[in-house]
Amino acid sequence: MSLAPVVIFTYKRLPVLRRVLASLLANPESPQVDLIAYSDGPKSAADREGVEEVRAFLRELHGFKSLQLKFREHNFGLARSFIEGIGETLAQHEAAIFLEDDNLLSPHFLAFMNESLARYAAEPRVICITGYSFPIWPKQRAPYFIRGAETWTMATWRRGWQQFEANAVVLKQGLDARNLRGKLDRSGFGFYGMLQRQIDGQIDSWGVRWWASAFLKDMYCLYPPEPLCVSIGYGLESVHCGSYSALFRTPGELATRPITMPATKVLEKASMPFVLRLMNWKLRLLNKLESWWPRRQ
């Protein structure tokens, strides 16, 4: 089986990137993998040193079949960087695996992603695959599907990315026309509110548009029963995640065994433990308050 190229998007967090690439290299398939690294340009002079440190590290990187370095001269920002990078990659390849620079991986990540890309390549309702897994209760014993499209590690095919709709207004109109607002919000963490904030220019998220694109077309993402990826990028230098959330999972939860069985069920809604459902409710309430308050000013 030929292996899909792996694409990683980076900015200026070298210590985090080092850990992530070390975890990728711990996958035994890495010497047969073509790695493509996108490095976004600095937002300001203050960020230039961090960006250059990352690029110097990438220039010396070894251990993969090949390495392509794509250094942006200007700052694209996260959303544009991902959207254009995914499009460029899938114009050249039938399928690929995409990482953020804070996606810490299990040694079994590449095997699951590549086997799943092969298994579901001809399944039109499967839009993507992820190495992330929700802290679902009761615990799943096999891979499962959720309606939507994940971003904390994502593999897709050219035919999957063709379903992406970048225009948030078009997505919202489609959801409203089919009365899907409630279902969309129950599938995630206030995604309808995020979509409205995207329209209002308050956020710039490719992820909410990717999820909404899949949800609107009744397409599904494949998840492993235990995490093959956890997020380690929260903190002061993170644009979107300033503090730890239980959703990120922890490195100690990463899968220690191969996951090779096919998916056995579709979960229309991830059944979270009570504390996570409470977090979901709180986040949705805060999103509503944030959208309401400016209009009262």
Protein backbone atom coordinates (compact mmCIF):
# COMPACT_ATOMS: atom_id res chain seq x y z
CA MET A 1 0.00 0.00 0.00
CA SER A 2 1.40 3.39 -0.98
CA LEU A 3 1.42 5.91 1.86
CA ALA A 4 -0.32 9.26 1.68
CA PRO A 5 1.88 12.34 2.04
CA VAL A 6 1.76 14.08 5.39
CA VAL A 7 1.35 17.87 5.46
CA ILE A 8 2.12 19.90 8.60
CA PHE A 9 1.32 23.57 9.13
CA THR A 10 3.66 25.53 11.38
CA TYR A 11 4.22 29.03 12.68
CA LYS A 12 6.59 29.91 15.52
CA ARG A 13 6.21 27.35 18.33
CA LEU A 14 9.43 25.39 17.92
CA PRO A 15 9.32 23.42 21.23
CA VAL A 16 5.82 22.14 20.43
CA LEU A 17 6.74 21.38 16.82
CA ARG A 18 9.79 19.37 17.94
CA ARG A 19 7.59 17.11 20.09
CA VAL A 20 5.03 16.64 17.32
CA LEU A 21 7.59 15.72 14.66
CA ALA A 22 9.34 13.39 17.09
CA SER A 23 6.02 11.62 17.63
CA LEU A 24 5.50 11.39 13.86
CA LEU A 25 8.99 9.93 13.42
CA ALA A 26 8.14 7.33 16.08
CA ASN A 27 5.65 5.85 13.60
CA PRO A 28 7.48 2.99 11.84
CA GLU A 29 6.09 4.07 8.46
CA SER A 30 7.79 7.49 8.60
CA PRO A 31 10.82 6.56 6.44
CA GLN A 32 8.38 5.83 3.59
CA VAL A 33 6.44 9.09 4.02
CA ASP A 34 6.73 12.27 1.96
CA LEU A 35 6.49 15.21 4.37
CA ILE A 36 5.35 18.66 3.26
CA ALA A 37 5.83 21.51 5.76
CA TYR A 38 4.06 24.85 5.41
CA SER A 39 5.61 27.67 7.42
CA ASP A 40 3.48 30.81 7.63
CA GLY A 41 5.15 34.22 7.38
CA PRO A 42 5.47 36.41 10.49
CA LYS A 43 2.59 38.67 11.47
CA SER A 44 5.02 41.28 12.77
CA ALA A 45 8.70 41.91 13.39
CA ALA A 46 8.24 40.52 16.89
CA ASP A 47 7.33 37.10 15.45
CA ARG A 48 10.13 36.93 12.91
CA GLU A 49 12.71 35.31 15.21
CA GLY A 50 10.34 32.50 16.18
CA VAL A 51 9.40 31.86 12.55
CA GLU A 52 13.07 31.74 11.52
CA GLU A 53 13.89 29.31 14.34
CA VAL A 54 11.18 26.96 13.08
CA ARG A 55 12.45 27.23 9.51
CA ALA A 56 16.06 26.55 10.52
CA PHE A 57 14.88 23.41 12.34
CA LEU A 58 12.85 22.25 9.34
CA ARG A 59 15.80 22.69 6.97
CA GLU A 60 17.80 20.17 9.05
CA LEU A 61 14.96 17.67 9.46
CA HIS A 62 15.67 14.06 8.48
CA GLY A 63 13.95 10.70 8.71
CA PHE A 64 11.30 10.95 6.00
CA LYS A 65 11.29 9.66 2.42
CA SER A 66 11.29 13.24 1.16
CA LEU A 67 10.81 16.73 2.55
CA GLN A 68 9.19 19.71 0.81
CA LEU A 69 9.47 23.07 2.55
CA LYS A 70 6.92 25.74 1.67
CA PHE A 71 7.83 29.00 3.38
CA ARG A 72 5.25 31.76 3.06
CA GLU A 73 6.75 35.20 2.50
CA HIS A 74 3.72 36.90 4.06
CA ASN A 75 1.41 35.92 6.90
CA PHE A 76 -1.61 34.03 5.62
CA GLY A 77 -3.16 33.29 9.01
CA LEU A 78 -4.36 29.86 10.07
CA ALA A 79 -7.52 29.59 7.96
CA ARG A 80 -6.08 30.77 4.64
CA SER A 81 -2.89 28.79 5.21
CA PHE A 82 -4.84 25.55 5.70
CA ILE A 83 -7.39 26.12 2.94
CA GLU A 84 -4.78 26.96 0.30
CA GLY A 85 -2.31 24.32 1.52
CA ILE A 86 -4.90 21.54 1.49
CA GLY A 87 -6.08 22.61 -1.96
CA GLU A 88 -2.54 22.74 -3.34
CA THR A 89 -1.69 19.32 -1.93
CA LEU A 90 -4.82 17.60 -3.20
CA ALA A 91 -4.35 19.11 -6.64
CA GLN A 92 -1.17 16.99 -6.77
CA HIS A 93 -2.22 13.92 -4.75
CA GLU A 94 -5.40 11.83 -4.55
CA ALA A 95 -5.27 11.81 -0.75
CA ALA A 96 -3.17 13.30 2.06
CA ILE A 97 -2.90 13.58 5.84
CA PHE A 98 -2.91 17.03 7.42
CA LEU A 99 -1.49 18.01 10.83
CA GLU A 100 -1.36 21.12 12.95
CA ASP A 101 1.94 21.78 14.71
CA ASP A 102 0.43 20.84 18.09
CA ASN A 103 -0.99 17.41 17.17
CA LEU A 104 0.97 14.91 19.28
CA LEU A 105 0.66 11.43 17.76
CA SER A 106 0.58 7.79 18.73
CA PRO A 107 3.12 5.45 17.02
CA HIS A 108 0.07 3.79 15.41
CA PHE A 109 -1.29 6.98 13.84
CA LEU A 110 0.03 6.54 10.29
CA ALA A 111 -1.08 2.91 10.03
CA PHE A 112 -4.67 3.79 10.99
CA MET A 113 -4.87 6.81 8.72
CA ASN A 114 -3.46 5.07 5.65
CA GLU A 115 -5.46 1.87 6.11
CA SER A 116 -8.63 3.92 6.57
CA LEU A 117 -7.90 6.04 3.51
CA ALA A 118 -7.68 2.83 1.48
CA ARG A 119 -10.72 1.19 3.10
CA TYR A 120 -13.13 4.11 2.65
CA ALA A 121 -11.78 5.65 -0.56
CA ALA A 122 -14.90 4.65 -2.50
CA GLU A 123 -17.43 5.43 0.25
CA PRO A 124 -19.04 8.71 -0.86
CA ARG A 125 -20.53 9.56 2.55
CA VAL A 126 -17.14 9.37 4.29
CA ILE A 127 -15.54 12.80 3.89
CA CYS A 128 -12.48 12.41 6.10
CA ILE A 129 -10.60 10.47 8.78
CA THR A 130 -9.09 11.73 12.02
CA GLY A 131 -6.70 10.41 14.62
CA TYR A 132 -8.53 12.31 17.35
CA SER A 133 -11.17 10.59 19.48
CA PHE A 134 -13.73 12.20 21.76
CA PRO A 135 -13.83 11.18 25.44
CA ILE A 136 -17.08 9.34 24.75
CA TRP A 137 -19.14 7.47 27.31
CA PRO A 138 -19.59 4.55 27.15
CA LYS A 139 -16.13 3.94 25.76
CA GLN A 140 -16.08 2.76 22.15
CA ARG A 141 -14.41 -0.53 21.24
CA ALA A 142 -14.15 0.06 17.48
CA PRO A 143 -13.82 3.05 15.16
CA TYR A 144 -17.00 5.09 14.76
CA PHE A 145 -18.46 7.79 12.53
CA ILE A 146 -19.80 11.23 13.45
CA ARG A 147 -21.58 13.51 11.00
CA GLY A 148 -19.20 16.38 10.25
CA ALA A 149 -15.47 16.78 9.59
CA GLU A 150 -12.72 16.89 12.22
CA THR A 151 -9.58 19.06 12.13
CA TRP A 152 -7.32 17.75 14.92
CA THR A 153 -5.45 15.65 12.37
CA MET A 154 -7.41 15.09 9.20
CA ALA A 155 -6.96 12.85 6.20
CA THR A 156 -9.10 13.22 3.13
CA TRP A 157 -9.25 12.54 -0.58
CA ARG A 158 -9.44 15.01 -3.44
CA ARG A 159 -13.13 14.12 -3.82
CA GLY A 160 -13.66 14.89 -0.10
CA TRP A 161 -12.07 18.33 -0.22
CA GLN A 162 -14.20 19.18 -3.24
CA GLN A 163 -17.14 19.29 -0.81
CA PHE A 164 -15.58 22.16 1.16
CA GLU A 165 -17.57 25.40 1.03
CA ALA A 166 -15.50 28.42 2.05
CA ASN A 167 -18.43 30.85 2.06
CA ALA A 168 -19.92 30.86 5.57
CA VAL A 169 -23.01 32.75 4.39
CA VAL A 170 -23.82 30.00 1.89
CA LEU A 171 -23.36 27.38 4.62
CA LYS A 172 -25.61 29.21 7.08
CA GLN A 173 -28.31 29.68 4.45
CA GLY A 174 -28.19 25.97 3.64
CA LEU A 175 -28.42 24.98 7.29
CA ASP A 176 -31.31 27.37 7.90
CA ALA A 177 -33.19 26.15 4.83
CA ARG A 178 -33.00 22.57 6.09
CA ASN A 179 -33.64 23.50 9.72
CA LEU A 180 -30.33 21.94 10.81
CA ARG A 181 -29.21 24.53 13.35
CA GLY A 182 -30.10 22.42 16.38
CA LYS A 183 -28.59 19.23 14.98
CA LEU A 184 -25.38 21.02 14.07
CA ASP A 185 -24.99 22.47 17.56
CA ARG A 186 -25.72 19.12 19.20
CA SER A 187 -23.00 17.50 17.11
CA GLY A 188 -20.30 19.86 18.35
CA PHE A 189 -19.51 22.83 20.54
CA GLY A 190 -21.66 25.72 19.39
CA PHE A 191 -20.76 25.39 15.70
CA TYR A 192 -23.76 27.39 14.47
CA GLY A 193 -22.71 30.32 16.67
CA MET A 194 -19.14 29.97 15.41
CA LEU A 195 -20.41 30.08 11.85
CA GLN A 196 -22.26 33.32 12.57
CA ARG A 197 -19.12 34.80 14.16
CA GLN A 198 -17.21 33.79 11.02
CA ILE A 199 -19.75 35.73 8.95
CA ASP A 200 -19.47 38.73 11.31
CA GLY A 201 -15.66 38.74 11.02
CA GLN A 202 -15.14 37.96 14.71
CA ILE A 203 -13.21 34.75 14.00
CA ASP A 204 -11.42 33.22 11.02
CA SER A 205 -11.92 29.45 11.19
CA TRP A 206 -11.53 26.96 8.38
CA GLY A 207 -12.54 24.18 10.79
CA VAL A 208 -16.11 25.32 11.41
CA ARG A 209 -16.63 25.73 7.66
CA TRP A 210 -15.19 22.26 7.01
CA TRP A 211 -17.48 20.71 9.65
CA ALA A 212 -20.54 22.61 8.40
CA SER A 213 -19.76 21.68 4.78
CA ALA A 214 -19.76 17.98 5.67
CA PHE A 215 -22.77 18.25 7.97
CA LEU A 216 -24.87 20.03 5.35
CA LYS A 217 -24.13 17.27 2.82
CA ASP A 218 -24.77 14.47 5.32
CA MET A 219 -21.18 13.26 5.25
CA TYR A 220 -19.21 11.60 8.02
CA CYS A 221 -15.78 11.59 9.65
CA LEU A 222 -14.16 8.37 10.89
CA TYR A 223 -12.75 8.36 14.44
CA PRO A 224 -10.60 5.74 16.20
CA PRO A 225 -11.97 4.28 19.45
CA GLU A 226 -9.07 5.75 21.41
CA PRO A 227 -6.98 8.80 20.54
CA LEU A 228 -4.13 8.54 18.07
CA CYS A 229 -3.73 12.31 18.46
CA VAL A 230 -3.94 14.72 21.40
CA SER A 231 -3.62 18.49 21.34
CA ILE A 232 -0.66 19.98 23.22
CA GLY A 233 -0.78 23.51 21.84
CA TYR A 234 -2.87 25.30 24.45
CA GLY A 235 -1.26 28.19 26.34
CA LEU A 236 -0.28 31.80 26.01
CA GLU A 237 1.10 31.46 22.46
CA SER A 238 -1.99 29.71 21.16
CA VAL A 239 -4.37 31.85 19.12
CA HIS A 240 -7.46 29.76 19.86
CA CYS A 241 -6.79 27.69 23.00
CA GLY A 242 -5.49 29.65 25.96
CA SER A 243 -5.97 26.95 28.60
CA TYR A 244 -6.33 23.19 28.93
CA SER A 245 -9.64 21.49 28.16
CA ALA A 246 -10.50 17.85 28.76
CA LEU A 247 -11.39 17.65 25.07
CA PHE A 248 -7.70 17.95 24.17
CA ARG A 249 -7.06 14.58 25.88
CA THR A 250 -3.62 13.88 27.38
CA PRO A 251 -0.46 12.18 26.05
CA GLY A 252 -1.08 9.33 28.50
CA GLU A 253 -4.31 8.54 26.66
CA LEU A 254 -2.66 7.96 23.28
CA ALA A 255 -3.34 4.51 21.83
CA THR A 256 -0.63 1.96 22.57
CA ARG A 257 -1.95 -0.70 20.19
CA PRO A 258 -2.73 -0.81 16.46
CA ILE A 259 -6.31 -0.04 15.43
CA THR A 260 -7.15 -1.98 12.29
CA MET A 261 -10.81 -3.04 12.52
CA PRO A 262 -13.46 -1.26 10.42
CA ALA A 263 -16.00 1.11 11.95
CA THR A 264 -19.05 -0.56 13.47
CA LYS A 265 -21.45 2.30 14.17
CA VAL A 266 -22.52 5.85 13.38
CA LEU A 267 -22.95 8.24 16.31
CA GLU A 268 -25.23 11.09 15.32
CA LYS A 269 -24.16 12.76 18.52
CA ALA A 270 -21.05 12.03 20.57
CA SER A 271 -22.26 10.97 24.04
CA MET A 272 -19.98 12.87 26.39
CA PRO A 273 -19.56 12.45 30.14
CA PHE A 274 -21.67 14.93 32.10
CA VAL A 275 -18.80 17.34 32.78
CA LEU A 276 -18.10 17.69 29.04
CA ARG A 277 -21.77 18.15 28.21
CA LEU A 278 -21.81 20.90 30.83
CA MET A 279 -18.79 22.52 29.12
CA ASN A 280 -20.65 22.30 25.80
CA TRP A 281 -23.70 24.03 27.25
CA LYS A 282 -21.56 26.75 28.88
CA LEU A 283 -19.66 27.41 25.64
CA ARG A 284 -22.86 27.66 23.61
CA LEU A 285 -24.28 30.11 26.17
CA LEU A 286 -21.12 32.25 26.04
CA ASN A 287 -21.26 32.28 22.24
CA LYS A 288 -24.85 33.56 22.40
CA LEU A 289 -23.93 36.24 24.93
CA GLU A 290 -20.95 37.37 22.83
CA SER A 291 -23.16 37.75 19.75
CA TRP A 292 -25.92 39.53 21.75
CA TRP A 293 -23.82 41.97 23.79
CA PRO A 294 -22.32 44.07 20.94
CA ARG A 295 -25.80 44.76 19.58
CA ARG A 296 -26.79 46.18 22.97
CA GLN A 297 -23.84 48.54 22.97
